[in-house]
Amino acid sequence: MSEYVNNLLSKVKAQNQNEPEFHQAVQEVLESLEGVIAQHPEYRSAKILERMVEPERVIMFRVPWMDDQGEIHVNRGYRIEMNSAIGPYKGGLRFHPSVTLGILKFLAFEQVFKNSLTTLPMGGGKGGSDFDPKGKSDHEVMRFCQSFMTELFRHIGPNTDVPAGDIGVGGREIGFLFGQYKRLRNEFTGVLTGKGINWGGSLIRPEATGYGTVYFAQEMLKTRGQDFEGKVCAVSGFGNVAWGAVQKINQLGGKVVTLSGPDGFIYDKSGVKGEKVDYMLKLRASANDRVKDYADEFKVEFYPGKRPWGVKVDVALPCATQNEIYEEDAKELVKNGCNCVCEGANMPTTIEGYKIFTDAKILYAPGKASNAGGVATSGLEMSQNSMRLPWSSDEVDKRLHEIMTRIHDTCVSTAQRYGQPGNYVIGANIAGFLKVADAMLDQGLV
């Protein structure tokens, strides 16, 4: 690591204490960009990296709400508006007890590069609350969402900041948030994505991140003369991303043998297919946040408290949350013959795990490239809203496939150009950075 990068990383850690996920995301990007900075001194003299690691704006506010028994609760709400150099801020809202400022800053930072790679005009942002919708009634969730939006509405808009859903924020929550925004602003605009189909939403949006991850993995496999036909796959999670990935893998001839939750993972050697895919929707709707129910329903093996990375598979798609593949998990995957790891979640692999994959020269794609299908489809939803014209599911799927193929090719060509052929991390970080950095240079000291 160069002295410049090392000093900048030290400064980030000192100024953003107790935010390890943010430190990790910044470190990965800074290490990737050393060659670019060496070749382009204009970025260093303009302090582009120093500006990119600082959010343009951090909004934090209290969210008071009343439960069904009349008791008042107070949660924290956040919106990190990270970078708007190439378009309005774009990124999801996460409602989960684990939400902190540091988690959202890491997600917003990743979102800047991810959105840049889609080639759509979207900046990066992220937001949410430590509110937990699990176990709450519809009326309680509605009251919380209305209180949350009563503050957030003044900071967002279709040309300023367009939030979407994330963990804990699905169609129900987006509906309540949109209704309150519409009431406060007296206008019907595309201020949120992930909306209901009957009022401005896009077809296949729930499946889009998973679809996109599989499309990206398919392109990776092609570089080695392979495809998904006959491949055995490990998928983590059981939410929207995993659900979409399982569907698309089945369509392409692969077989998914694992799903996971906070309670452990299931191993289904016959494959998650048919009615089992539909059952994933029941799992999510139950709000129990456990995957053991699948094992009980279909009489398959369940491993409590374990992650699925010890299973012998050809392809691994981590689709749950950050830092779910550690160094030992990565070693186990490589030892068992896995030759492709494609991230469906945000930063699910630790830096140590990523280096194991790189050293083993297996195919490995970072989430900022491979899980960009969700935000890409959100961008397509924004386009449909602007034109007041809905597209068919086939049209959206076709555009999504084209975008993911384009992102893949950009990562490959950029890594090649900077002397790191086959390194998708280097390719994604550099390609995402260059577009944003050049826009920042064009726009002056802002």
Protein backbone atom coordinates (compact mmCIF):
# COMPACT_ATOMS: atom_id res chain seq x y z
CA MET A 1 0.00 0.00 0.00
CA SER A 2 1.45 3.39 -1.01
CA GLU A 3 2.14 6.07 1.57
CA TYR A 4 -0.64 8.25 0.14
CA VAL A 5 -3.27 5.51 0.34
CA ASN A 6 -2.07 4.37 3.76
CA ASN A 7 -2.26 7.91 5.14
CA LEU A 8 -5.73 8.46 3.70
CA LEU A 9 -7.00 5.17 5.13
CA SER A 10 -5.54 6.06 8.53
CA LYS A 11 -7.33 9.39 8.39
CA VAL A 12 -10.64 7.72 7.50
CA LYS A 13 -10.30 5.34 10.44
CA ALA A 14 -9.42 8.16 12.84
CA GLN A 15 -12.31 10.36 11.72
CA ASN A 16 -14.86 7.54 11.57
CA GLN A 17 -14.18 5.52 14.70
CA ASN A 18 -16.16 2.39 15.55
CA GLU A 19 -17.30 2.00 11.93
CA PRO A 20 -15.44 -1.18 10.82
CA GLU A 21 -17.67 -1.93 7.82
CA PHE A 22 -17.05 1.56 6.42
CA HIS A 23 -13.29 1.14 6.98
CA GLN A 24 -13.40 -2.21 5.17
CA ALA A 25 -15.28 -0.84 2.15
CA VAL A 26 -12.93 2.15 1.85
CA GLN A 27 -9.80 0.01 2.21
CA GLU A 28 -10.87 -2.36 -0.56
CA VAL A 29 -11.49 0.52 -2.95
CA LEU A 30 -8.36 2.50 -2.07
CA GLU A 31 -6.11 -0.53 -2.54
CA SER A 32 -7.68 -1.12 -5.96
CA LEU A 33 -7.12 2.46 -7.10
CA GLU A 34 -3.39 2.81 -6.39
CA GLY A 35 -2.48 2.24 -10.05
CA VAL A 36 -5.06 4.74 -11.27
CA ILE A 37 -3.90 7.44 -8.87
CA ALA A 38 -0.30 6.86 -9.94
CA GLN A 39 -1.24 7.32 -13.60
CA HIS A 40 -3.60 10.26 -13.06
CA PRO A 41 -2.08 12.84 -10.68
CA GLU A 42 -5.00 15.18 -11.40
CA TYR A 43 -7.22 13.04 -9.16
CA ARG A 44 -4.76 13.34 -6.29
CA SER A 45 -4.22 17.08 -6.68
CA ALA A 46 -8.00 17.65 -6.78
CA LYS A 47 -8.38 15.51 -3.62
CA ILE A 48 -10.99 13.35 -5.38
CA LEU A 49 -10.53 10.38 -3.05
CA GLU A 50 -10.59 12.59 0.04
CA ARG A 51 -13.90 14.02 -1.19
CA MET A 52 -15.39 10.64 -2.13
CA VAL A 53 -14.92 9.14 1.33
CA GLU A 54 -16.85 12.04 2.88
CA PRO A 55 -20.65 12.03 2.44
CA GLU A 56 -22.03 15.15 0.82
CA ARG A 57 -24.67 15.16 3.53
CA VAL A 58 -25.59 13.07 6.58
CA ILE A 59 -29.14 13.39 7.89
CA MET A 60 -30.03 11.90 11.27
CA PHE A 61 -33.37 12.37 12.99
CA ARG A 62 -35.65 10.92 15.66
CA VAL A 63 -38.69 8.88 14.68
CA PRO A 64 -41.41 8.81 17.37
CA TRP A 65 -44.30 6.41 16.82
CA MET A 66 -47.09 4.78 18.82
CA ASP A 67 -47.74 1.04 19.10
CA ASP A 68 -51.16 -0.61 19.21
CA GLN A 69 -51.24 -0.40 23.01
CA GLY A 70 -50.75 3.37 22.96
CA GLU A 71 -47.11 3.26 24.09
CA ILE A 72 -44.73 5.73 22.42
CA HIS A 73 -41.41 4.53 21.03
CA VAL A 74 -38.50 6.52 19.58
CA ASN A 75 -36.13 5.21 16.91
CA ARG A 76 -33.36 6.83 14.93
CA GLY A 77 -33.71 7.60 11.25
CA TYR A 78 -30.84 8.22 8.82
CA ARG A 79 -30.16 9.21 5.24
CA ILE A 80 -26.59 9.26 3.90
CA GLU A 81 -26.41 11.30 0.70
CA MET A 82 -22.95 10.19 -0.38
CA ASN A 83 -22.31 11.45 -3.90
CA SER A 84 -24.45 13.13 -6.56
CA ALA A 85 -21.82 13.73 -9.25
CA ILE A 86 -23.59 11.63 -11.90
CA GLY A 87 -27.23 11.86 -10.81
CA PRO A 88 -29.65 12.12 -7.90
CA TYR A 89 -28.79 10.08 -4.82
CA LYS A 90 -30.10 6.53 -5.19
CA GLY A 91 -30.07 3.71 -2.67
CA GLY A 92 -32.27 1.72 -0.35
CA LEU A 93 -33.76 2.20 3.09
CA ARG A 94 -32.99 -0.52 5.64
CA PHE A 95 -35.18 -1.08 8.72
CA HIS A 96 -33.32 -3.43 11.08
CA PRO A 97 -32.03 -3.33 14.67
CA SER A 98 -28.45 -3.61 13.35
CA VAL A 99 -28.67 -0.29 11.47
CA THR A 100 -26.03 2.21 12.55
CA LEU A 101 -24.41 5.24 10.98
CA GLY A 102 -21.33 3.20 10.08
CA ILE A 103 -23.32 0.42 8.37
CA LEU A 104 -25.19 2.97 6.26
CA LYS A 105 -22.01 4.84 5.33
CA PHE A 106 -20.44 1.62 4.06
CA LEU A 107 -23.58 0.84 2.05
CA ALA A 108 -23.78 4.38 0.65
CA PHE A 109 -20.09 4.30 -0.32
CA GLU A 110 -20.54 0.98 -2.13
CA GLN A 111 -23.68 2.34 -3.80
CA VAL A 112 -21.73 5.15 -5.47
CA PHE A 113 -19.58 2.67 -7.39
CA LYS A 114 -22.41 0.25 -8.03
CA ASN A 115 -24.66 2.92 -9.52
CA SER A 116 -21.81 4.24 -11.64
CA LEU A 117 -21.27 0.77 -13.13
CA THR A 118 -24.89 0.51 -14.27
CA THR A 119 -24.21 3.46 -16.66
CA LEU A 120 -27.53 4.95 -15.52
CA PRO A 121 -27.53 8.56 -14.21
CA MET A 122 -27.69 7.78 -10.48
CA GLY A 123 -25.58 8.97 -7.57
CA GLY A 124 -25.19 6.99 -4.36
CA GLY A 125 -27.00 7.10 -1.04
CA LYS A 126 -28.43 4.87 1.68
CA GLY A 127 -30.71 5.26 4.66
CA GLY A 128 -32.91 3.56 7.18
CA SER A 129 -33.61 3.09 10.86
CA ASP A 130 -32.92 0.78 13.79
CA PHE A 131 -36.67 0.06 13.81
CA ASP A 132 -37.54 -3.65 13.51
CA PRO A 133 -40.72 -4.31 11.48
CA LYS A 134 -40.63 -7.99 12.47
CA GLY A 135 -43.46 -8.79 14.85
CA LYS A 136 -45.18 -5.44 14.34
CA SER A 137 -48.76 -5.09 13.12
CA ASP A 138 -49.54 -3.40 9.82
CA HIS A 139 -50.88 -0.40 11.74
CA GLU A 140 -47.69 -0.11 13.79
CA VAL A 141 -45.52 -0.30 10.67
CA MET A 142 -47.73 2.30 9.00
CA ARG A 143 -47.43 4.72 11.92
CA PHE A 144 -43.67 4.29 11.98
CA CYS A 145 -43.33 4.81 8.22
CA GLN A 146 -45.50 7.91 8.32
CA SER A 147 -43.41 9.39 11.14
CA PHE A 148 -40.18 8.47 9.32
CA MET A 149 -41.33 10.10 6.07
CA THR A 150 -42.61 13.22 7.89
CA GLU A 151 -38.94 14.14 8.39
CA LEU A 152 -37.35 12.46 5.37
CA PHE A 153 -39.68 14.05 2.79
CA ARG A 154 -37.96 17.45 2.98
CA HIS A 155 -34.64 15.90 1.93
CA ILE A 156 -35.71 13.75 -1.06
CA GLY A 157 -37.38 14.13 -4.46
CA PRO A 158 -37.33 12.59 -7.97
CA ASN A 159 -34.45 14.86 -9.01
CA THR A 160 -32.69 14.99 -5.65
CA ASP A 161 -32.74 11.64 -3.85
CA VAL A 162 -34.77 8.54 -4.73
CA PRO A 163 -34.80 5.89 -1.96
CA ALA A 164 -35.80 2.26 -2.49
CA GLY A 165 -36.32 -0.78 -0.30
CA ASP A 166 -33.70 -2.91 1.41
CA ILE A 167 -33.68 -5.31 4.37
CA GLY A 168 -36.92 -4.81 6.31
CA VAL A 169 -38.39 -2.49 3.70
CA GLY A 170 -40.60 -4.32 1.22
CA GLY A 171 -43.74 -3.48 -0.72
CA ARG A 172 -45.78 -2.78 2.42
CA GLU A 173 -43.28 -0.29 3.81
CA ILE A 174 -42.71 1.43 0.45
CA GLY A 175 -46.48 1.85 0.12
CA PHE A 176 -46.83 3.52 3.51
CA LEU A 177 -43.79 5.74 2.87
CA PHE A 178 -45.04 6.79 -0.57
CA GLY A 179 -48.53 7.54 0.72
CA GLN A 180 -47.17 9.88 3.37
CA TYR A 181 -44.84 11.61 0.89
CA LYS A 182 -47.75 12.14 -1.49
CA ARG A 183 -49.87 13.59 1.32
CA LEU A 184 -47.14 15.99 2.45
CA ARG A 185 -46.05 17.18 -1.01
CA ASN A 186 -49.41 16.97 -2.77
CA GLU A 187 -47.80 15.40 -5.80
CA PHE A 188 -47.50 11.98 -7.40
CA THR A 189 -43.89 11.51 -8.47
CA GLY A 190 -41.31 8.76 -8.81
CA VAL A 191 -39.71 9.64 -5.47
CA LEU A 192 -39.42 5.99 -4.35
CA THR A 193 -38.73 2.81 -6.28
CA GLY A 194 -40.00 -0.64 -5.47
CA LYS A 195 -43.56 0.67 -5.68
CA GLY A 196 -46.64 -1.46 -6.29
CA ILE A 197 -47.33 -2.40 -9.90
CA ASN A 198 -50.69 -0.59 -9.82
CA TRP A 199 -49.12 2.74 -8.83
CA GLY A 200 -45.86 3.18 -10.68
CA GLY A 201 -43.80 0.11 -9.86
CA SER A 202 -41.77 -1.99 -12.28
CA LEU A 203 -42.31 -5.63 -13.08
CA ILE A 204 -39.64 -8.11 -11.82
CA ARG A 205 -38.21 -5.56 -9.35
CA PRO A 206 -38.37 -8.01 -6.39
CA GLU A 207 -36.43 -10.63 -8.36
CA ALA A 208 -34.07 -8.21 -10.10
CA THR A 209 -31.05 -8.35 -7.80
CA GLY A 210 -31.04 -12.14 -7.82
CA TYR A 211 -31.62 -12.31 -11.57
CA GLY A 212 -28.83 -9.83 -12.17
CA THR A 213 -26.38 -11.72 -9.96
CA VAL A 214 -26.99 -14.91 -11.91
CA TYR A 215 -26.69 -13.10 -15.25
CA PHE A 216 -23.33 -11.75 -14.09
CA ALA A 217 -22.19 -15.20 -12.92
CA GLN A 218 -23.25 -16.66 -16.26
CA GLU A 219 -20.97 -14.18 -18.05
CA MET A 220 -18.13 -15.05 -15.68
CA LEU A 221 -18.54 -18.75 -16.41
CA LYS A 222 -18.51 -18.03 -20.14
CA THR A 223 -14.97 -16.66 -19.86
CA ARG A 224 -13.93 -20.25 -19.03
CA GLY A 225 -16.18 -21.93 -21.56
CA GLN A 226 -18.82 -22.91 -19.01
CA ASP A 227 -22.43 -22.13 -18.09
CA PHE A 228 -24.94 -23.02 -15.35
CA GLU A 229 -26.10 -26.25 -16.98
CA GLY A 230 -25.51 -29.03 -14.45
CA LYS A 231 -23.81 -26.76 -11.92
CA VAL A 232 -24.46 -27.34 -8.19
CA CYS A 233 -24.88 -24.03 -6.38
CA ALA A 234 -24.85 -22.77 -2.79
CA VAL A 235 -27.05 -19.76 -2.11
CA SER A 236 -27.27 -17.98 1.25
CA GLY A 237 -30.28 -16.09 2.54
CA PHE A 238 -33.90 -16.70 1.60
CA GLY A 239 -35.17 -13.18 0.87
CA ASN A 240 -35.78 -11.40 -2.42
CA VAL A 241 -32.20 -11.72 -3.68
CA ALA A 242 -31.93 -15.45 -2.94
CA TRP A 243 -35.45 -16.02 -4.30
CA GLY A 244 -34.60 -14.36 -7.62
CA ALA A 245 -31.26 -16.13 -7.85
CA VAL A 246 -32.81 -19.57 -7.27
CA GLN A 247 -35.41 -18.97 -9.97
CA LYS A 248 -32.86 -17.89 -12.56
CA ILE A 249 -30.37 -20.67 -11.74
CA ASN A 250 -33.16 -23.22 -12.24
CA GLN A 251 -34.07 -21.62 -15.58
CA LEU A 252 -30.44 -21.89 -16.71
CA GLY A 253 -30.12 -25.56 -15.78
CA GLY A 254 -28.33 -25.30 -12.45
CA LYS A 255 -29.32 -26.77 -9.07
CA VAL A 256 -29.42 -24.85 -5.78
CA VAL A 257 -28.81 -27.05 -2.74
CA THR A 258 -28.63 -24.54 0.14
CA LEU A 259 -30.53 -21.63 1.67
CA SER A 260 -29.70 -19.94 4.95
CA GLY A 261 -31.06 -17.71 7.69
CA PRO A 262 -29.91 -16.29 11.02
CA ASP A 263 -30.66 -19.71 12.55
CA GLY A 264 -28.46 -21.78 10.21
CA PHE A 265 -28.70 -23.35 6.75
CA ILE A 266 -30.54 -26.15 4.97
CA TYR A 267 -29.02 -28.68 2.59
CA ASP A 268 -31.46 -29.95 -0.03
CA LYS A 269 -29.55 -32.38 -2.27
CA SER A 270 -32.48 -32.75 -4.68
CA GLY A 271 -32.52 -29.00 -5.31
CA VAL A 272 -34.65 -25.99 -4.37
CA LYS A 273 -37.18 -26.06 -7.22
CA GLY A 274 -40.88 -26.13 -8.00
CA GLU A 275 -43.07 -25.68 -4.94
CA LYS A 276 -39.96 -25.19 -2.81
CA VAL A 277 -39.24 -21.89 -4.58
CA ASP A 278 -42.79 -20.77 -3.83
CA TYR A 279 -42.29 -21.80 -0.21
CA MET A 280 -39.47 -19.25 0.04
CA LEU A 281 -42.16 -16.56 -0.26
CA LYS A 282 -44.02 -18.11 2.67
CA LEU A 283 -40.83 -18.13 4.72
CA ARG A 284 -40.31 -14.42 4.12
CA ALA A 285 -43.96 -13.56 4.73
CA SER A 286 -43.94 -15.42 8.06
CA ALA A 287 -41.58 -12.82 9.55
CA ASN A 288 -40.01 -15.58 11.67
CA ASP A 289 -36.60 -15.01 10.05
CA ARG A 290 -35.63 -18.67 10.18
CA VAL A 291 -34.91 -21.24 7.52
CA LYS A 292 -35.45 -24.33 9.67
CA ASP A 293 -39.13 -24.21 8.66
CA TYR A 294 -38.04 -25.21 5.14
CA ALA A 295 -36.18 -28.22 6.53
CA ASP A 296 -39.23 -29.26 8.54
CA GLU A 297 -41.57 -28.80 5.55
CA PHE A 298 -39.49 -30.75 3.03
CA LYS A 299 -37.63 -33.15 5.36
CA VAL A 300 -34.13 -32.03 4.43
CA GLU A 301 -30.99 -31.54 6.50
CA PHE A 302 -30.67 -28.46 8.72
CA TYR A 303 -27.43 -27.20 10.27
CA PRO A 304 -28.16 -24.82 13.16
CA GLY A 305 -25.84 -21.85 13.63
CA LYS A 306 -23.81 -22.73 10.50
CA ARG A 307 -23.15 -21.04 7.16
CA PRO A 308 -23.48 -23.03 3.91
CA TRP A 309 -19.93 -22.60 2.64
CA GLY A 310 -18.69 -26.05 3.66
CA VAL A 311 -20.95 -27.81 1.16
CA LYS A 312 -19.27 -29.10 -2.01
CA VAL A 313 -20.56 -26.92 -4.87
CA ASP A 314 -19.44 -25.49 -8.19
CA VAL A 315 -20.83 -21.98 -7.69
CA ALA A 316 -21.46 -19.94 -4.52
CA LEU A 317 -23.81 -16.95 -4.39
CA PRO A 318 -23.78 -15.17 -1.01
CA CYS A 319 -27.11 -13.33 -1.00
CA ALA A 320 -27.73 -12.57 2.69
CA THR A 321 -25.75 -9.75 4.29
CA GLN A 322 -22.29 -8.23 4.79
CA ASN A 323 -19.33 -10.30 6.00
CA GLU A 324 -20.82 -13.78 5.79
CA ILE A 325 -17.78 -15.36 4.09
CA TYR A 326 -14.70 -15.24 6.31
CA GLU A 327 -11.18 -16.44 5.51
CA GLU A 328 -11.89 -19.99 6.71
CA ASP A 329 -15.13 -20.12 4.70
CA ALA A 330 -13.25 -19.02 1.59
CA LYS A 331 -10.59 -21.69 2.13
CA GLU A 332 -13.32 -24.32 2.52
CA LEU A 333 -15.02 -23.27 -0.73
CA VAL A 334 -11.75 -23.40 -2.64
CA LYS A 335 -10.80 -26.77 -1.09
CA ASN A 336 -14.16 -28.25 -2.12
CA GLY A 337 -13.71 -27.24 -5.75
CA CYS A 338 -15.92 -24.15 -6.00
CA ASN A 339 -14.73 -22.23 -9.06
CA CYS A 340 -17.07 -19.21 -9.04
CA VAL A 341 -18.18 -16.89 -6.22
CA CYS A 342 -20.59 -14.16 -7.28
CA GLU A 343 -21.89 -11.80 -4.61
CA GLY A 344 -25.60 -11.08 -4.43
CA ALA A 345 -25.34 -9.17 -1.14
CA ASN A 346 -23.35 -6.03 -0.28
CA MET A 347 -19.77 -6.88 0.76
CA PRO A 348 -20.55 -10.42 1.99
CA THR A 349 -16.88 -11.43 1.78
CA THR A 350 -14.22 -10.11 4.15
CA ILE A 351 -10.97 -8.71 2.75
CA GLU A 352 -9.15 -11.84 3.95
CA GLY A 353 -11.70 -14.05 2.18
CA TYR A 354 -11.44 -12.06 -1.03
CA LYS A 355 -7.65 -12.50 -1.03
CA ILE A 356 -8.08 -16.29 -0.69
CA PHE A 357 -10.26 -16.32 -3.82
CA THR A 358 -7.83 -14.07 -5.70
CA ASP A 359 -4.81 -16.18 -4.79
CA ALA A 360 -6.66 -19.34 -5.85
CA LYS A 361 -7.51 -17.65 -9.19
CA ILE A 362 -11.15 -18.68 -9.04
CA LEU A 363 -13.84 -16.46 -10.54
CA TYR A 364 -14.87 -13.89 -7.94
CA ALA A 365 -17.15 -10.87 -8.39
CA PRO A 366 -17.76 -8.14 -5.78
CA GLY A 367 -21.31 -7.13 -4.99
CA LYS A 368 -20.88 -3.59 -6.31
CA ALA A 369 -20.74 -5.19 -9.77
CA SER A 370 -22.67 -8.44 -9.52
CA ASN A 371 -25.63 -7.30 -7.39
CA ALA A 372 -26.22 -4.09 -9.33
CA GLY A 373 -29.31 -5.61 -10.96
CA GLY A 374 -31.60 -4.35 -8.21
CA VAL A 375 -30.62 -0.72 -8.46
CA ALA A 376 -30.43 -1.01 -12.26
CA THR A 377 -34.07 -2.08 -12.32
CA SER A 378 -34.88 0.74 -9.90
CA GLY A 379 -33.29 3.04 -12.46
CA LEU A 380 -35.52 1.49 -15.13
CA GLU A 381 -38.50 2.13 -12.81
CA MET A 382 -37.46 5.79 -12.63
CA SER A 383 -37.38 5.92 -16.43
CA GLN A 384 -40.84 4.38 -16.66
CA ASN A 385 -42.15 6.89 -14.10
CA SER A 386 -40.66 9.81 -16.05
CA MET A 387 -42.32 8.63 -19.26
CA ARG A 388 -45.57 7.55 -17.54
CA LEU A 389 -45.15 4.32 -19.48
CA PRO A 390 -44.92 0.80 -17.96
CA TRP A 391 -42.82 -1.88 -19.63
CA SER A 392 -43.60 -5.59 -19.83
CA SER A 393 -41.67 -8.05 -17.66
CA ASP A 394 -39.88 -9.34 -20.78
CA GLU A 395 -38.79 -5.81 -21.68
CA VAL A 396 -37.48 -5.10 -18.16
CA ASP A 397 -35.73 -8.49 -18.00
CA LYS A 398 -34.12 -7.89 -21.39
CA ARG A 399 -32.81 -4.48 -20.34
CA LEU A 400 -31.59 -5.91 -17.03
CA HIS A 401 -29.72 -8.69 -18.83
CA GLU A 402 -28.12 -6.15 -21.16
CA ILE A 403 -27.03 -3.96 -18.25
CA MET A 404 -25.48 -6.86 -16.32
CA THR A 405 -23.64 -8.07 -19.41
CA ARG A 406 -22.34 -4.55 -19.98
CA ILE A 407 -21.16 -4.26 -16.36
CA HIS A 408 -19.37 -7.59 -16.67
CA ASP A 409 -17.63 -6.59 -19.88
CA THR A 410 -16.61 -3.24 -18.39
CA CYS A 411 -15.08 -4.95 -15.36
CA VAL A 412 -13.14 -7.37 -17.55
CA SER A 413 -11.82 -4.73 -19.97
CA THR A 414 -10.88 -2.29 -17.19
CA ALA A 415 -8.98 -4.94 -15.23
CA GLN A 416 -7.16 -5.89 -18.42
CA ARG A 417 -6.29 -2.25 -19.18
CA TYR A 418 -4.78 -1.74 -15.74
CA GLY A 419 -2.68 -4.91 -15.78
CA GLN A 420 -4.91 -7.14 -13.62
CA PRO A 421 -6.64 -9.47 -16.10
CA GLY A 422 -9.48 -11.48 -14.58
CA ASN A 423 -9.60 -9.42 -11.37
CA TYR A 424 -13.23 -8.32 -11.12
CA VAL A 425 -12.62 -6.37 -7.90
CA ILE A 426 -9.98 -4.19 -9.54
CA GLY A 427 -12.09 -3.80 -12.68
CA ALA A 428 -15.27 -2.86 -10.83
CA ASN A 429 -13.61 -0.40 -8.46
CA ILE A 430 -11.62 1.39 -11.16
CA ALA A 431 -14.47 1.54 -13.68
CA GLY A 432 -16.93 2.78 -11.06
CA PHE A 433 -14.43 5.34 -9.78
CA LEU A 434 -13.41 6.83 -13.12
CA LYS A 435 -16.90 7.91 -14.15
CA VAL A 436 -17.63 9.57 -10.80
CA ALA A 437 -14.15 11.11 -10.49
CA ASP A 438 -14.28 12.66 -13.96
CA ALA A 439 -17.74 14.08 -13.26
CA MET A 440 -16.44 15.60 -10.03
CA LEU A 441 -13.52 17.18 -11.90
CA ASP A 442 -15.90 18.59 -14.52
CA GLN A 443 -18.14 20.13 -11.86
CA GLY A 444 -15.40 21.87 -9.87
CA LEU A 445 -14.90 22.06 -6.14
CA VAL A 446 -18.28 20.85 -4.90
